[in-house]
Amino acid sequence: MKVRYRGEVFEFNEPMSVNKLLKKFSLTRGEAVVVRNGTITTEDELLLPDDDVRIINTVSGG
């Protein structure tokens, strides 16, 4: 799968859960949203090698 994050593209060839992908980038679900093929995912969804994935940091603060 192609994963776009912070202007870079990363490639992974094995299926993995959204949660596992976030861990690879040292992120939690509260810090980022994962979009697969244009649709926001849940953390237990399985990402497949042919998916186009974007990781988008959430904004917090006051």
PDB file of N, CA and C in Angstrom:
ATOM      1  N   MET A   1       0.841  -1.177   0.000  1.00  0.00           N
ATOM      2  CA  MET A   1       0.000   0.000   0.000  1.00  0.00           C
ATOM      3  C   MET A   1       0.880   1.232   0.000  1.00  0.00           C
ATOM      4  N   LYS A   2       0.402   2.269  -0.599  1.00  0.00           N
ATOM      5  CA  LYS A   2       1.094   3.549  -0.546  1.00  0.00           C
ATOM      6  C   LYS A   2       0.494   4.360   0.586  1.00  0.00           C
ATOM      7  N   VAL A   3       1.358   4.829   1.456  1.00  0.00           N
ATOM      8  CA  VAL A   3       0.921   5.617   2.603  1.00  0.00           C
ATOM      9  C   VAL A   3       1.540   7.001   2.474  1.00  0.00           C
ATOM     10  N   ARG A   4       0.699   8.011   2.427  1.00  0.00           N
ATOM     11  CA  ARG A   4       1.163   9.395   2.343  1.00  0.00           C
ATOM     12  C   ARG A   4       1.055  10.025   3.731  1.00  0.00           C
ATOM     13  N   TYR A   5       2.199  10.569   4.176  1.00  0.00           N
ATOM     14  CA  TYR A   5       2.234  11.173   5.505  1.00  0.00           C
ATOM     15  C   TYR A   5       3.302  12.252   5.515  1.00  0.00           C
ATOM     16  N   ARG A   6       2.894  13.458   5.881  1.00  0.00           N
ATOM     17  CA  ARG A   6       3.790  14.611   5.987  1.00  0.00           C
ATOM     18  C   ARG A   6       4.616  14.838   4.718  1.00  0.00           C
ATOM     19  N   GLY A   7       3.953  14.738   3.573  1.00  0.00           N
ATOM     20  CA  GLY A   7       4.614  15.032   2.299  1.00  0.00           C
ATOM     21  C   GLY A   7       5.495  13.926   1.759  1.00  0.00           C
ATOM     22  N   GLU A   8       5.537  12.782   2.438  1.00  0.00           N
ATOM     23  CA  GLU A   8       6.343  11.657   1.975  1.00  0.00           C
ATOM     24  C   GLU A   8       5.434  10.478   1.645  1.00  0.00           C
ATOM     25  N   VAL A   9       5.937   9.576   0.799  1.00  0.00           N
ATOM     26  CA  VAL A   9       5.200   8.369   0.441  1.00  0.00           C
ATOM     27  C   VAL A   9       5.989   7.166   0.944  1.00  0.00           C
ATOM     28  N   PHE A  10       5.304   6.303   1.686  1.00  0.00           N
ATOM     29  CA  PHE A  10       5.897   5.079   2.220  1.00  0.00           C
ATOM     30  C   PHE A  10       5.156   3.908   1.598  1.00  0.00           C
ATOM     31  N   GLU A  11       5.853   2.801   1.356  1.00  0.00           N
ATOM     32  CA  GLU A  11       5.209   1.626   0.772  1.00  0.00           C
ATOM     33  C   GLU A  11       5.319   0.437   1.719  1.00  0.00           C
ATOM     34  N   PHE A  12       4.195  -0.269   1.885  1.00  0.00           N
ATOM     35  CA  PHE A  12       4.135  -1.482   2.681  1.00  0.00           C
ATOM     36  C   PHE A  12       3.458  -2.549   1.829  1.00  0.00           C
ATOM     37  N   ASN A  13       3.987  -3.756   1.841  1.00  0.00           N
ATOM     38  CA  ASN A  13       3.445  -4.824   0.995  1.00  0.00           C
ATOM     39  C   ASN A  13       2.578  -5.828   1.728  1.00  0.00           C
ATOM     40  N   GLU A  14       2.501  -5.700   3.058  1.00  0.00           N
ATOM     41  CA  GLU A  14       1.699  -6.655   3.811  1.00  0.00           C
ATOM     42  C   GLU A  14       0.419  -5.999   4.326  1.00  0.00           C
ATOM     43  N   PRO A  15      -0.668  -6.774   4.422  1.00  0.00           N
ATOM     44  CA  PRO A  15      -1.882  -6.242   5.035  1.00  0.00           C
ATOM     45  C   PRO A  15      -1.620  -5.928   6.509  1.00  0.00           C
ATOM     46  N   MET A  16      -2.265  -4.902   7.021  1.00  0.00           N
ATOM     47  CA  MET A  16      -2.145  -4.571   8.441  1.00  0.00           C
ATOM     48  C   MET A  16      -3.339  -3.749   8.879  1.00  0.00           C
ATOM     49  N   SER A  17      -3.595  -3.773  10.176  1.00  0.00           N
ATOM     50  CA  SER A  17      -4.691  -2.979  10.715  1.00  0.00           C
ATOM     51  C   SER A  17      -4.283  -1.506  10.735  1.00  0.00           C
ATOM     52  N   VAL A  18      -5.274  -0.650  10.806  1.00  0.00           N
ATOM     53  CA  VAL A  18      -5.019   0.786  10.917  1.00  0.00           C
ATOM     54  C   VAL A  18      -4.209   1.053  12.181  1.00  0.00           C
ATOM     55  N   ASN A  19      -4.548   0.378  13.266  1.00  0.00           N
ATOM     56  CA  ASN A  19      -3.840   0.557  14.532  1.00  0.00           C
ATOM     57  C   ASN A  19      -2.355   0.207  14.387  1.00  0.00           C
ATOM     58  N   LYS A  20      -2.050  -0.883  13.696  1.00  0.00           N
ATOM     59  CA  LYS A  20      -0.658  -1.291  13.493  1.00  0.00           C
ATOM     60  C   LYS A  20       0.082  -0.261  12.639  1.00  0.00           C
ATOM     61  N   LEU A  21      -0.578   0.268  11.619  1.00  0.00           N
ATOM     62  CA  LEU A  21       0.042   1.290  10.779  1.00  0.00           C
ATOM     63  C   LEU A  21       0.378   2.525  11.608  1.00  0.00           C
ATOM     64  N   LEU A  22      -0.552   2.966  12.436  1.00  0.00           N
ATOM     65  CA  LEU A  22      -0.297   4.135  13.274  1.00  0.00           C
ATOM     66  C   LEU A  22       0.885   3.890  14.207  1.00  0.00           C
ATOM     67  N   LYS A  23       0.995   2.684  14.748  1.00  0.00           N
ATOM     68  CA  LYS A  23       2.117   2.360  15.632  1.00  0.00           C
ATOM     69  C   LYS A  23       3.451   2.458  14.896  1.00  0.00           C
ATOM     70  N   LYS A  24       3.475   2.109  13.610  1.00  0.00           N
ATOM     71  CA  LYS A  24       4.707   2.206  12.818  1.00  0.00           C
ATOM     72  C   LYS A  24       5.209   3.651  12.750  1.00  0.00           C
ATOM     73  N   PHE A  25       4.290   4.601  12.846  1.00  0.00           N
ATOM     74  CA  PHE A  25       4.645   6.016  12.811  1.00  0.00           C
ATOM     75  C   PHE A  25       4.626   6.647  14.208  1.00  0.00           C
ATOM     76  N   SER A  26       4.537   5.819  15.229  1.00  0.00           N
ATOM     77  CA  SER A  26       4.487   6.271  16.634  1.00  0.00           C
ATOM     78  C   SER A  26       3.331   7.243  16.875  1.00  0.00           C
ATOM     79  N   LEU A  27       2.176   6.920  16.296  1.00  0.00           N
ATOM     80  CA  LEU A  27       0.981   7.744  16.434  1.00  0.00           C
ATOM     81  C   LEU A  27      -0.123   6.951  17.125  1.00  0.00           C
ATOM     82  N   THR A  28      -1.085   7.671  17.703  1.00  0.00           N
ATOM     83  CA  THR A  28      -2.283   7.052  18.251  1.00  0.00           C
ATOM     84  C   THR A  28      -3.482   7.566  17.466  1.00  0.00           C
ATOM     85  N   ARG A  29      -4.609   6.911  17.639  1.00  0.00           N
ATOM     86  CA  ARG A  29      -5.824   7.314  16.924  1.00  0.00           C
ATOM     87  C   ARG A  29      -6.229   8.740  17.286  1.00  0.00           C
ATOM     88  N   GLY A  30      -5.916   9.198  18.471  1.00  0.00           N
ATOM     89  CA  GLY A  30      -6.245  10.561  18.867  1.00  0.00           C
ATOM     90  C   GLY A  30      -5.379  11.613  18.194  1.00  0.00           C
ATOM     91  N   GLU A  31      -4.243  11.197  17.668  1.00  0.00           N
ATOM     92  CA  GLU A  31      -3.313  12.130  17.029  1.00  0.00           C
ATOM     93  C   GLU A  31      -3.476  12.219  15.519  1.00  0.00           C
ATOM     94  N   ALA A  32      -4.118  11.213  14.915  1.00  0.00           N
ATOM     95  CA  ALA A  32      -4.186  11.173  13.455  1.00  0.00           C
ATOM     96  C   ALA A  32      -5.451  10.470  12.981  1.00  0.00           C
ATOM     97  N   VAL A  33      -5.838  10.802  11.763  1.00  0.00           N
ATOM     98  CA  VAL A  33      -6.948  10.148  11.076  1.00  0.00           C
ATOM     99  C   VAL A  33      -6.346   9.417   9.885  1.00  0.00           C
ATOM    100  N   VAL A  34      -6.812   8.188   9.653  1.00  0.00           N
ATOM    101  CA  VAL A  34      -6.333   7.415   8.516  1.00  0.00           C
ATOM    102  C   VAL A  34      -7.448   7.334   7.480  1.00  0.00           C
ATOM    103  N   VAL A  35      -7.116   7.723   6.258  1.00  0.00           N
ATOM    104  CA  VAL A  35      -8.066   7.716   5.154  1.00  0.00           C
ATOM    105  C   VAL A  35      -7.611   6.663   4.145  1.00  0.00           C
ATOM    106  N   ARG A  36      -8.480   5.699   3.876  1.00  0.00           N
ATOM    107  CA  ARG A  36      -8.175   4.646   2.903  1.00  0.00           C
ATOM    108  C   ARG A  36      -9.069   4.813   1.684  1.00  0.00           C
ATOM    109  N   ASN A  37      -8.461   4.995   0.528  1.00  0.00           N
ATOM    110  CA  ASN A  37      -9.205   5.133  -0.722  1.00  0.00           C
ATOM    111  C   ASN A  37     -10.316   6.174  -0.611  1.00  0.00           C
ATOM    112  N   GLY A  38     -10.013   7.277   0.090  1.00  0.00           N
ATOM    113  CA  GLY A  38     -10.950   8.389   0.195  1.00  0.00           C
ATOM    114  C   GLY A  38     -11.951   8.299   1.333  1.00  0.00           C
ATOM    115  N   THR A  39     -11.888   7.247   2.154  1.00  0.00           N
ATOM    116  CA  THR A  39     -12.850   7.056   3.239  1.00  0.00           C
ATOM    117  C   THR A  39     -12.115   6.951   4.579  1.00  0.00           C
ATOM    118  N   ILE A  40     -12.598   7.665   5.582  1.00  0.00           N
ATOM    119  CA  ILE A  40     -12.017   7.593   6.922  1.00  0.00           C
ATOM    120  C   ILE A  40     -12.233   6.192   7.481  1.00  0.00           C
ATOM    121  N   THR A  41     -11.200   5.644   8.109  1.00  0.00           N
ATOM    122  CA  THR A  41     -11.252   4.285   8.621  1.00  0.00           C
ATOM    123  C   THR A  41     -11.413   4.260  10.139  1.00  0.00           C
ATOM    124  N   THR A  42     -11.701   3.061  10.647  1.00  0.00           N
ATOM    125  CA  THR A  42     -11.653   2.813  12.085  1.00  0.00           C
ATOM    126  C   THR A  42     -10.348   2.087  12.376  1.00  0.00           C
ATOM    127  N   GLU A  43      -9.925   2.077  13.637  1.00  0.00           N
ATOM    128  CA  GLU A  43      -8.591   1.552  13.944  1.00  0.00           C
ATOM    129  C   GLU A  43      -8.460   0.046  13.763  1.00  0.00           C
ATOM    130  N   ASP A  44      -9.565  -0.694  13.713  1.00  0.00           N
ATOM    131  CA  ASP A  44      -9.467  -2.147  13.548  1.00  0.00           C
ATOM    132  C   ASP A  44      -9.636  -2.610  12.100  1.00  0.00           C
ATOM    133  N   GLU A  45      -9.841  -1.678  11.170  1.00  0.00           N
ATOM    134  CA  GLU A  45      -9.987  -2.055   9.763  1.00  0.00           C
ATOM    135  C   GLU A  45      -8.660  -2.556   9.206  1.00  0.00           C
ATOM    136  N   LEU A  46      -8.761  -3.474   8.251  1.00  0.00           N
ATOM    137  CA  LEU A  46      -7.580  -4.052   7.630  1.00  0.00           C
ATOM    138  C   LEU A  46      -7.234  -3.274   6.364  1.00  0.00           C
ATOM    139  N   LEU A  47      -5.998  -2.830   6.290  1.00  0.00           N
ATOM    140  CA  LEU A  47      -5.493  -2.141   5.104  1.00  0.00           C
ATOM    141  C   LEU A  47      -4.807  -3.175   4.214  1.00  0.00           C
ATOM    142  N   LEU A  48      -5.068  -3.112   2.919  1.00  0.00           N
ATOM    143  CA  LEU A  48      -4.540  -4.090   1.975  1.00  0.00           C
ATOM    144  C   LEU A  48      -3.444  -3.482   1.109  1.00  0.00           C
ATOM    145  N   PRO A  49      -2.581  -4.322   0.525  1.00  0.00           N
ATOM    146  CA  PRO A  49      -1.450  -3.816  -0.259  1.00  0.00           C
ATOM    147  C   PRO A  49      -1.824  -2.898  -1.421  1.00  0.00           C
ATOM    148  N   ASP A  50      -3.020  -3.017  -1.979  1.00  0.00           N
ATOM    149  CA  ASP A  50      -3.398  -2.162  -3.104  1.00  0.00           C
ATOM    150  C   ASP A  50      -4.136  -0.884  -2.684  1.00  0.00           C
ATOM    151  N   ASP A  51      -4.248  -0.627  -1.388  1.00  0.00           N
ATOM    152  CA  ASP A  51      -4.938   0.563  -0.890  1.00  0.00           C
ATOM    153  C   ASP A  51      -4.072   1.814  -1.020  1.00  0.00           C
ATOM    154  N   ASP A  52      -4.737   2.938  -1.200  1.00  0.00           N
ATOM    155  CA  ASP A  52      -4.094   4.254  -1.172  1.00  0.00           C
ATOM    156  C   ASP A  52      -4.478   4.884   0.157  1.00  0.00           C
ATOM    157  N   VAL A  53      -3.488   5.153   1.001  1.00  0.00           N
ATOM    158  CA  VAL A  53      -3.736   5.562   2.385  1.00  0.00           C
ATOM    159  C   VAL A  53      -3.101   6.911   2.666  1.00  0.00           C
ATOM    160  N   ARG A  54      -3.814   7.732   3.412  1.00  0.00           N
ATOM    161  CA  ARG A  54      -3.271   9.005   3.888  1.00  0.00           C
ATOM    162  C   ARG A  54      -3.403   9.056   5.399  1.00  0.00           C
ATOM    163  N   ILE A  55      -2.357   9.537   6.049  1.00  0.00           N
ATOM    164  CA  ILE A  55      -2.412   9.765   7.485  1.00  0.00           C
ATOM    165  C   ILE A  55      -2.444  11.274   7.668  1.00  0.00           C
ATOM    166  N   ILE A  56      -3.465  11.757   8.340  1.00  0.00           N
ATOM    167  CA  ILE A  56      -3.654  13.187   8.535  1.00  0.00           C
ATOM    168  C   ILE A  56      -3.614  13.483  10.025  1.00  0.00           C
ATOM    169  N   ASN A  57      -2.668  14.319  10.437  1.00  0.00           N
ATOM    170  CA  ASN A  57      -2.597  14.706  11.855  1.00  0.00           C
ATOM    171  C   ASN A  57      -3.802  15.541  12.218  1.00  0.00           C
ATOM    172  N   THR A  58      -4.344  15.290  13.416  1.00  0.00           N
ATOM    173  CA  THR A  58      -5.442  16.103  13.911  1.00  0.00           C
ATOM    174  C   THR A  58      -4.863  17.323  14.606  1.00  0.00           C
ATOM    175  N   VAL A  59      -5.635  18.364  14.633  1.00  0.00           N
ATOM    176  CA  VAL A  59      -5.199  19.610  15.258  1.00  0.00           C
ATOM    177  C   VAL A  59      -5.882  19.729  16.608  1.00  0.00           C
ATOM    178  N   SER A  60      -5.104  20.058  17.620  1.00  0.00           N
ATOM    179  CA  SER A  60      -5.697  20.281  18.933  1.00  0.00           C
ATOM    180  C   SER A  60      -5.094  21.525  19.543  1.00  0.00           C
ATOM    181  N   GLY A  61      -5.740  22.011  20.526  1.00  0.00           N
ATOM    182  CA  GLY A  61      -5.251  23.219  21.190  1.00  0.00           C
ATOM    183  C   GLY A  61      -6.403  24.116  21.565  1.00  0.00           C
ATOM    184  N   GLY A  62      -6.076  25.238  22.101  1.00  0.00           N
ATOM    185  CA  GLY A  62      -7.152  26.086  22.577  1.00  0.00           C
ATOM    186  C   GLY A  62      -7.020  27.495  22.214  1.00  0.00           C
TER     187      GLY A  62
END
